[in-house]
Amino acid sequence: MGNPMKNSCYMGIDVGSISTNCVVITPEGGVLSEIYRRGDGHPIESVQKCLSQLTAQLSDEYCVKGVCTTGSGRVLAGAVVGTDVIKNEISAHARATIHLYPDVRTIFEIGGQDSKVTIVRDGVVVDFSMNLLCAAGTGSFLDSQARRLNITIEELSTRAMTSEDPTDIAGRCTVFAESDMIHKQQGGHEQKDIMMGLCHALVRNYLSNVCNGKEIKPPIVLQGGVSANKGICRAFKEALQCDIVVPPYNMVMGAYGAALIASKSGIEKTKYRGKEASTHIIITKGFECGDCPNCCEIIEVLDADEVIGRTGGRCGKWEGRTEPREALKGTGPIGTVFGTSAGGLTEYDTCRLLDNVPDLIQIGVSKKRRS
């Protein structure tokens, strides 16, 4: 991978609950390639397909000098491709946004299963929050209602923009929203007005729950998969009475930020496993740690018989480690392997978002807590 005659580039991969996003950039931050694809419940296969597409798009004159992974599946993806840096999605999204918009003060990021708000002041992240209990303010909320109406999410976005009299939809819960939609349909409300009402409901839910207690100030940047929905952008603009900026790489900002982090990490020799990793058969196996009463489920990632990564556990001692289990375990019993899959993925607790948080976030949050 280290041909000095080739142009350097850096790769960022964001594995979320719904999609897998990959971006390759120049050392200066210019985007050479970007991919957004649905994960379809198979994160390993999705990462490999993205890697295959990226390597096909890039000419032989480019050489990957560093890789950073982010998102809820960042450790799993890192094991598959060979990552140099692992960062949480708050860090990655903030890095990308501040790079493109240095004067940004609020970042709205809404994905398939979670949504976040990040507060920035003078180029520094000072606070953030995310949804904890409900997905009513996320992309899955709109997806489920679009399926019920037998239309695509793109159609929902287009038709919502034609509404002049949006219907008031209860949006604090997907169950209540669906019940309210049916009631409004039977009452004679037009479909376009119901769709725009759904967009307003999502925005109300997001602002009242995720943004509760946060000081929302423009410039506001909206990103994540839901930012492609024009109805949502309109609803935010009407609710906040200010312009909403949607960046050029709105669907892949996490991956873009990860690539920027890789380019600034001073990587001397990359761990990137090369395009061949997209053709390997990768499986996962789970076992119980047993070193403490938590009895955490640990996921091993294997390429043939070689352990290339681990994830899971609250203490973090297994993360990314490839040594024999006995070398990492304490006095607890060695767990029994209980399953094998081609794409197992354990979601992190909310507190895991603080793993690997860069100094700019740690300092910002600690200052706020002390004040």
Protein backbone atom coordinates (compact mmCIF):
# COMPACT_ATOMS: atom_id res chain seq x y z
CA MET A 1 0.00 0.00 0.00
CA GLY A 2 2.94 2.32 0.42
CA ASN A 3 3.93 3.20 -3.15
CA PRO A 4 5.42 6.72 -2.82
CA MET A 5 4.60 7.52 -6.45
CA LYS A 6 0.88 7.30 -5.81
CA ASN A 7 -1.34 10.15 -4.61
CA SER A 8 -2.36 9.89 -0.96
CA CYS A 9 -6.00 9.62 0.04
CA TYR A 10 -7.92 8.92 3.25
CA MET A 11 -11.03 6.84 3.87
CA GLY A 12 -13.90 7.35 6.29
CA ILE A 13 -16.58 4.74 6.98
CA ASP A 14 -19.78 5.37 8.96
CA VAL A 15 -21.81 2.29 9.88
CA GLY A 16 -25.19 3.19 11.35
CA SER A 17 -28.38 1.31 12.11
CA ILE A 18 -29.85 1.87 8.64
CA SER A 19 -27.03 2.78 6.25
CA THR A 20 -23.34 2.33 5.60
CA ASN A 21 -21.54 5.37 4.21
CA CYS A 22 -18.03 5.62 2.80
CA VAL A 23 -16.04 8.66 1.69
CA VAL A 24 -12.53 8.96 0.28
CA ILE A 25 -10.81 12.35 0.33
CA THR A 26 -7.56 14.02 -0.66
CA PRO A 27 -5.21 15.24 2.11
CA GLU A 28 -6.75 18.71 1.62
CA GLY A 29 -10.30 17.45 2.20
CA GLY A 30 -11.54 17.24 -1.38
CA VAL A 31 -13.99 14.38 -1.94
CA LEU A 32 -12.78 11.79 -4.44
CA SER A 33 -15.60 9.30 -3.92
CA GLU A 34 -18.71 8.89 -1.76
CA ILE A 35 -21.15 6.02 -1.26
CA TYR A 36 -24.43 5.82 0.65
CA ARG A 37 -26.10 2.43 0.83
CA ARG A 38 -28.67 0.68 2.99
CA GLY A 39 -27.24 -1.82 5.42
CA ASP A 40 -30.25 -4.19 5.20
CA GLY A 41 -29.30 -5.76 8.52
CA HIS A 42 -25.95 -7.07 7.27
CA PRO A 43 -23.29 -4.56 8.33
CA ILE A 44 -20.27 -6.70 7.39
CA GLU A 45 -21.59 -7.43 3.91
CA SER A 46 -22.58 -3.78 3.49
CA VAL A 47 -19.09 -2.56 4.46
CA GLN A 48 -17.50 -5.01 2.04
CA LYS A 49 -19.77 -3.90 -0.81
CA CYS A 50 -18.94 -0.26 -0.12
CA LEU A 51 -15.24 -1.09 -0.06
CA SER A 52 -15.55 -2.92 -3.37
CA GLN A 53 -17.38 0.04 -4.95
CA LEU A 54 -14.86 2.55 -3.65
CA THR A 55 -11.85 0.66 -4.91
CA ALA A 56 -13.52 0.27 -8.31
CA GLN A 57 -14.20 4.01 -8.49
CA LEU A 58 -10.70 5.08 -7.48
CA SER A 59 -7.99 4.92 -10.11
CA ASP A 60 -4.74 3.09 -9.43
CA GLU A 61 -2.94 6.39 -8.94
CA TYR A 62 -4.42 6.74 -5.43
CA CYS A 63 -3.12 5.03 -2.31
CA VAL A 64 -5.10 4.86 0.96
CA LYS A 65 -2.86 6.25 3.70
CA GLY A 66 -5.32 6.11 6.59
CA VAL A 67 -8.80 4.91 7.59
CA CYS A 68 -11.19 6.07 10.31
CA THR A 69 -14.46 4.36 11.20
CA THR A 70 -17.42 5.84 13.06
CA GLY A 71 -21.06 5.09 13.84
CA SER A 72 -22.62 2.43 16.05
CA GLY A 73 -20.82 -0.29 14.06
CA ARG A 74 -17.45 1.48 14.04
CA VAL A 75 -15.49 -1.29 15.80
CA LEU A 76 -16.99 -4.01 13.60
CA ALA A 77 -16.27 -2.02 10.43
CA GLY A 78 -12.79 -1.23 11.68
CA ALA A 79 -11.99 -4.91 12.04
CA VAL A 80 -13.24 -5.68 8.53
CA VAL A 81 -11.27 -2.98 6.68
CA GLY A 82 -8.35 -2.47 9.06
CA THR A 83 -8.91 0.93 10.66
CA ASP A 84 -6.29 3.27 12.07
CA VAL A 85 -8.67 5.46 14.07
CA ILE A 86 -12.07 4.82 15.68
CA LYS A 87 -14.21 7.82 16.63
CA ASN A 88 -17.81 8.27 17.76
CA GLU A 89 -20.35 9.84 15.44
CA ILE A 90 -20.61 13.08 17.40
CA SER A 91 -16.93 13.72 16.74
CA ALA A 92 -17.14 12.77 13.07
CA HIS A 93 -20.23 14.84 12.26
CA ALA A 94 -18.86 17.84 14.12
CA ARG A 95 -15.50 17.64 12.35
CA ALA A 96 -17.14 17.55 8.92
CA THR A 97 -19.55 20.38 9.66
CA ILE A 98 -16.97 22.71 11.19
CA HIS A 99 -14.67 22.02 8.23
CA LEU A 100 -17.35 23.10 5.75
CA TYR A 101 -19.01 25.79 7.89
CA PRO A 102 -16.57 27.28 10.43
CA ASP A 103 -19.25 29.63 11.79
CA VAL A 104 -21.81 26.87 12.51
CA ARG A 105 -23.46 27.11 15.95
CA THR A 106 -25.97 24.25 15.88
CA ILE A 107 -25.82 20.86 14.17
CA PHE A 108 -28.97 18.80 13.70
CA GLU A 109 -28.25 15.18 12.73
CA ILE A 110 -31.16 12.81 12.16
CA GLY A 111 -30.53 9.24 11.09
CA GLY A 112 -32.56 6.08 10.80
CA GLN A 113 -32.81 5.12 14.48
CA ASP A 114 -31.25 7.98 16.41
CA SER A 115 -31.13 11.74 16.28
CA LYS A 116 -28.67 14.18 17.81
CA VAL A 117 -28.10 17.87 18.35
CA THR A 118 -24.60 19.29 18.75
CA ILE A 119 -23.97 22.78 20.07
CA VAL A 120 -20.90 24.57 18.70
CA ARG A 121 -19.47 27.88 19.84
CA ASP A 122 -16.42 29.47 18.20
CA GLY A 123 -15.54 26.23 16.42
CA VAL A 124 -15.67 24.12 19.59
CA VAL A 125 -18.30 21.54 20.55
CA VAL A 126 -19.66 22.58 23.95
CA ASP A 127 -22.69 20.33 24.35
CA PHE A 128 -24.68 17.57 22.67
CA SER A 129 -27.73 15.41 23.19
CA MET A 130 -29.49 12.49 21.52
CA ASN A 131 -32.79 10.64 21.64
CA LEU A 132 -32.82 8.03 24.37
CA LEU A 133 -36.09 6.12 24.40
CA CYS A 134 -38.08 6.57 21.20
CA ALA A 135 -37.49 6.61 17.45
CA ALA A 136 -40.47 8.88 16.74
CA GLY A 137 -38.10 11.73 15.85
CA THR A 138 -36.00 9.73 13.39
CA GLY A 139 -36.03 8.47 9.83
CA SER A 140 -37.67 5.17 10.77
CA PHE A 141 -40.70 7.21 11.92
CA LEU A 142 -41.21 8.56 8.39
CA ASP A 143 -40.26 5.27 6.73
CA SER A 144 -42.92 3.35 8.62
CA GLN A 145 -45.62 5.86 7.77
CA ALA A 146 -44.58 6.01 4.10
CA ARG A 147 -44.87 2.20 3.92
CA ARG A 148 -48.33 2.37 5.47
CA LEU A 149 -49.35 4.84 2.77
CA ASN A 150 -47.76 2.57 0.13
CA ILE A 151 -45.44 5.27 -1.16
CA THR A 152 -41.67 5.77 -1.14
CA ILE A 153 -39.97 8.15 1.24
CA GLU A 154 -39.01 10.25 -1.80
CA GLU A 155 -42.67 10.56 -2.77
CA LEU A 156 -43.54 11.57 0.79
CA SER A 157 -40.98 14.38 0.58
CA THR A 158 -42.20 15.63 -2.81
CA ARG A 159 -45.92 15.54 -1.96
CA ALA A 160 -45.42 17.14 1.45
CA MET A 161 -43.92 20.21 -0.22
CA THR A 162 -47.17 20.81 -2.14
CA SER A 163 -49.20 21.10 1.07
CA GLU A 164 -50.66 24.51 1.90
CA ASP A 165 -52.65 23.39 4.95
CA PRO A 166 -50.67 20.75 6.91
CA THR A 167 -52.67 18.44 9.13
CA ASP A 168 -51.89 18.42 12.84
CA ILE A 169 -50.55 14.91 13.58
CA ALA A 170 -49.66 13.57 17.03
CA GLY A 171 -45.98 12.72 16.72
CA ARG A 172 -44.68 11.80 20.17
CA CYS A 173 -45.06 8.10 19.41
CA THR A 174 -45.16 6.13 16.15
CA VAL A 175 -48.18 4.15 17.39
CA PHE A 176 -50.16 7.31 18.20
CA ALA A 177 -49.04 8.91 14.92
CA GLU A 178 -50.36 6.02 12.86
CA SER A 179 -53.65 6.03 14.75
CA ASP A 180 -53.97 9.78 14.27
CA MET A 181 -53.14 9.48 10.55
CA ILE A 182 -55.92 6.95 10.06
CA HIS A 183 -58.34 9.19 11.93
CA LYS A 184 -57.38 12.20 9.78
CA GLN A 185 -57.65 10.19 6.56
CA GLN A 186 -61.13 9.04 7.51
CA GLY A 187 -61.97 12.64 8.31
CA GLY A 188 -61.21 13.67 4.73
CA HIS A 189 -57.80 15.34 5.05
CA GLU A 190 -55.76 15.31 1.83
CA GLN A 191 -52.78 12.97 1.72
CA LYS A 192 -50.31 15.78 0.96
CA ASP A 193 -51.48 17.66 4.08
CA ILE A 194 -51.12 14.52 6.22
CA MET A 195 -47.58 14.01 4.90
CA MET A 196 -46.55 17.55 5.72
CA GLY A 197 -48.21 17.10 9.11
CA LEU A 198 -45.96 14.09 9.69
CA CYS A 199 -42.90 16.23 8.91
CA HIS A 200 -44.06 18.86 11.40
CA ALA A 201 -44.71 16.13 13.98
CA LEU A 202 -41.17 14.78 13.62
CA VAL A 203 -39.68 18.26 13.97
CA ARG A 204 -41.82 19.04 17.04
CA ASN A 205 -40.74 15.77 18.63
CA TYR A 206 -37.07 16.45 17.86
CA LEU A 207 -37.11 20.02 19.17
CA SER A 208 -39.03 19.18 22.34
CA ASN A 209 -37.11 16.03 23.26
CA VAL A 210 -33.63 15.99 21.73
CA CYS A 211 -33.16 19.76 21.86
CA ASN A 212 -34.85 20.27 25.22
CA GLY A 213 -32.79 22.69 27.29
CA LYS A 214 -30.32 23.42 24.49
CA GLU A 215 -29.61 26.92 23.18
CA ILE A 216 -30.43 26.63 19.48
CA LYS A 217 -28.77 29.41 17.49
CA PRO A 218 -28.15 29.90 13.76
CA PRO A 219 -26.31 29.11 11.59
CA ILE A 220 -28.01 25.70 11.82
CA VAL A 221 -26.77 22.80 9.70
CA LEU A 222 -29.07 19.81 9.10
CA GLN A 223 -27.51 16.49 8.06
CA GLY A 224 -28.08 12.75 8.13
CA GLY A 225 -30.39 10.71 5.94
CA VAL A 226 -33.53 12.64 6.94
CA SER A 227 -32.00 15.91 5.71
CA ALA A 228 -32.75 14.74 2.15
CA ASN A 229 -36.46 15.12 2.93
CA LYS A 230 -37.53 18.58 1.75
CA GLY A 231 -40.63 18.45 3.93
CA ILE A 232 -38.45 18.12 7.05
CA CYS A 233 -36.28 21.06 5.97
CA ARG A 234 -39.42 23.15 5.44
CA ALA A 235 -40.82 22.12 8.84
CA PHE A 236 -37.58 23.11 10.64
CA LYS A 237 -37.52 26.45 8.85
CA GLU A 238 -41.13 27.20 9.78
CA ALA A 239 -40.68 26.06 13.39
CA LEU A 240 -37.46 28.01 14.04
CA GLN A 241 -38.12 30.96 11.73
CA CYS A 242 -34.62 30.89 10.29
CA ASP A 243 -32.75 29.36 7.38
CA ILE A 244 -31.58 25.75 7.62
CA VAL A 245 -28.33 24.82 5.83
CA VAL A 246 -28.14 21.39 4.20
CA PRO A 247 -24.49 20.61 3.34
CA PRO A 248 -23.39 19.15 -0.01
CA TYR A 249 -22.50 15.79 1.58
CA ASN A 250 -25.52 15.73 3.88
CA MET A 251 -26.11 11.98 3.54
CA VAL A 252 -22.50 10.98 4.31
CA MET A 253 -21.28 13.66 6.69
CA GLY A 254 -20.27 11.10 9.32
CA ALA A 255 -18.04 9.29 6.84
CA TYR A 256 -16.69 12.59 5.53
CA GLY A 257 -15.81 13.69 9.05
CA ALA A 258 -14.16 10.33 9.71
CA ALA A 259 -12.03 10.73 6.59
CA LEU A 260 -11.00 14.22 7.75
CA ILE A 261 -10.04 12.81 11.15
CA ALA A 262 -7.91 10.15 9.46
CA SER A 263 -6.15 12.77 7.34
CA LYS A 264 -5.20 14.80 10.44
CA SER A 265 -4.19 11.90 12.69
CA GLY A 266 -0.53 11.68 11.66
CA ILE A 267 -0.79 8.06 10.56
CA GLU A 268 2.67 6.82 9.59
CA LYS A 269 1.75 3.31 8.45
CA THR A 270 -1.86 2.40 7.81
CA LYS A 271 -3.52 -0.80 9.04
CA TYR A 272 -5.82 -0.74 6.00
CA ARG A 273 -6.26 -4.33 4.77
CA GLY A 274 -6.69 -3.33 1.14
CA LYS A 275 -9.42 -3.92 -1.40
CA GLU A 276 -8.95 -7.66 -0.96
CA ALA A 277 -10.83 -7.40 2.35
CA SER A 278 -14.03 -6.97 0.35
CA THR A 279 -13.74 -10.52 -0.98
CA HIS A 280 -12.90 -12.32 2.27
CA ILE A 281 -15.46 -14.39 4.16
CA ILE A 282 -15.91 -12.59 7.48
CA ILE A 283 -17.94 -14.17 10.29
CA THR A 284 -18.69 -13.26 13.89
CA LYS A 285 -18.87 -15.39 17.03
CA GLY A 286 -20.18 -14.44 20.43
CA PHE A 287 -19.12 -15.49 23.90
CA GLU A 288 -19.77 -14.37 27.44
CA CYS A 289 -16.89 -12.63 29.19
CA GLY A 290 -17.69 -13.71 32.74
CA ASP A 291 -14.96 -11.58 34.35
CA CYS A 292 -17.50 -9.62 36.39
CA PRO A 293 -21.22 -9.80 37.25
CA ASN A 294 -22.11 -7.92 34.05
CA CYS A 295 -21.35 -11.08 32.01
CA CYS A 296 -21.03 -9.00 28.82
CA GLU A 297 -21.58 -10.51 25.39
CA ILE A 298 -18.36 -10.18 23.39
CA ILE A 299 -18.41 -10.40 19.60
CA GLU A 300 -15.35 -11.77 17.83
CA VAL A 301 -14.78 -10.89 14.17
CA LEU A 302 -12.96 -13.60 12.24
CA ASP A 303 -11.39 -13.76 8.79
CA ALA A 304 -11.05 -17.51 8.26
CA ASP A 305 -9.63 -18.68 11.60
CA GLU A 306 -7.92 -15.39 12.40
CA VAL A 307 -9.46 -13.07 15.00
CA ILE A 308 -9.26 -9.60 13.44
CA GLY A 309 -11.26 -7.69 16.04
CA ARG A 310 -13.58 -7.79 19.02
CA THR A 311 -16.36 -5.57 20.26
CA GLY A 312 -18.80 -5.45 23.16
CA GLY A 313 -18.46 -5.16 26.92
CA ARG A 314 -18.82 -2.22 29.24
CA CYS A 315 -15.22 -1.92 30.39
CA GLY A 316 -13.81 -1.65 26.86
CA LYS A 317 -10.95 -4.10 27.41
CA TRP A 318 -12.02 -6.28 24.47
CA GLU A 319 -12.45 -3.47 21.94
CA GLY A 320 -10.36 -4.09 18.83
CA ARG A 321 -8.12 -6.61 20.62
CA THR A 322 -7.01 -9.72 18.77
CA GLU A 323 -4.96 -11.59 21.40
CA PRO A 324 -6.11 -15.03 22.61
CA ARG A 325 -9.09 -14.77 24.94
CA GLU A 326 -7.13 -16.16 27.86
CA ALA A 327 -4.66 -13.29 27.64
CA LEU A 328 -7.43 -10.72 28.08
CA LYS A 329 -9.62 -12.45 30.60
CA GLY A 330 -9.29 -12.17 34.34
CA THR A 331 -10.17 -14.85 36.85
CA GLY A 332 -13.69 -15.39 35.55
CA PRO A 333 -14.68 -18.52 33.62
CA ILE A 334 -13.92 -18.71 29.92
CA GLY A 335 -17.20 -18.21 28.12
CA THR A 336 -18.64 -20.76 25.74
CA VAL A 337 -19.12 -19.83 22.10
CA PHE A 338 -22.87 -19.73 21.59
CA GLY A 339 -23.42 -18.60 18.03
CA THR A 340 -22.05 -17.70 14.62
CA SER A 341 -23.42 -15.22 12.12
CA ALA A 342 -22.28 -13.39 9.02
CA GLY A 343 -23.31 -9.98 10.21
CA GLY A 344 -23.89 -9.78 13.95
CA LEU A 345 -23.83 -6.28 15.41
CA THR A 346 -24.27 -5.22 19.01
CA GLU A 347 -25.46 -1.64 19.48
CA TYR A 348 -23.63 0.48 22.02
CA ASP A 349 -25.25 2.00 25.07
CA THR A 350 -25.70 5.76 24.88
CA CYS A 351 -22.79 6.20 27.24
CA ARG A 352 -20.52 4.60 24.64
CA LEU A 353 -20.79 7.81 22.63
CA LEU A 354 -18.21 9.23 25.00
CA ASP A 355 -15.65 6.62 23.92
CA ASN A 356 -12.73 8.19 22.08
CA VAL A 357 -14.28 11.65 22.26
CA PRO A 358 -11.71 14.21 21.12
CA ASP A 359 -10.39 16.82 23.50
CA LEU A 360 -12.58 19.55 22.01
CA ILE A 361 -15.74 17.71 23.12
CA GLN A 362 -14.40 16.55 26.48
CA ILE A 363 -13.31 20.08 27.36
CA GLY A 364 -16.57 21.61 26.18
CA VAL A 365 -18.77 19.23 28.15
CA SER A 366 -16.67 19.39 31.32
CA LYS A 367 -16.75 23.17 31.30
CA LYS A 368 -20.51 23.16 31.01
CA ARG A 369 -20.89 20.73 33.88
CA ARG A 370 -18.69 22.81 36.15
CA SER A 371 -20.57 26.04 35.42
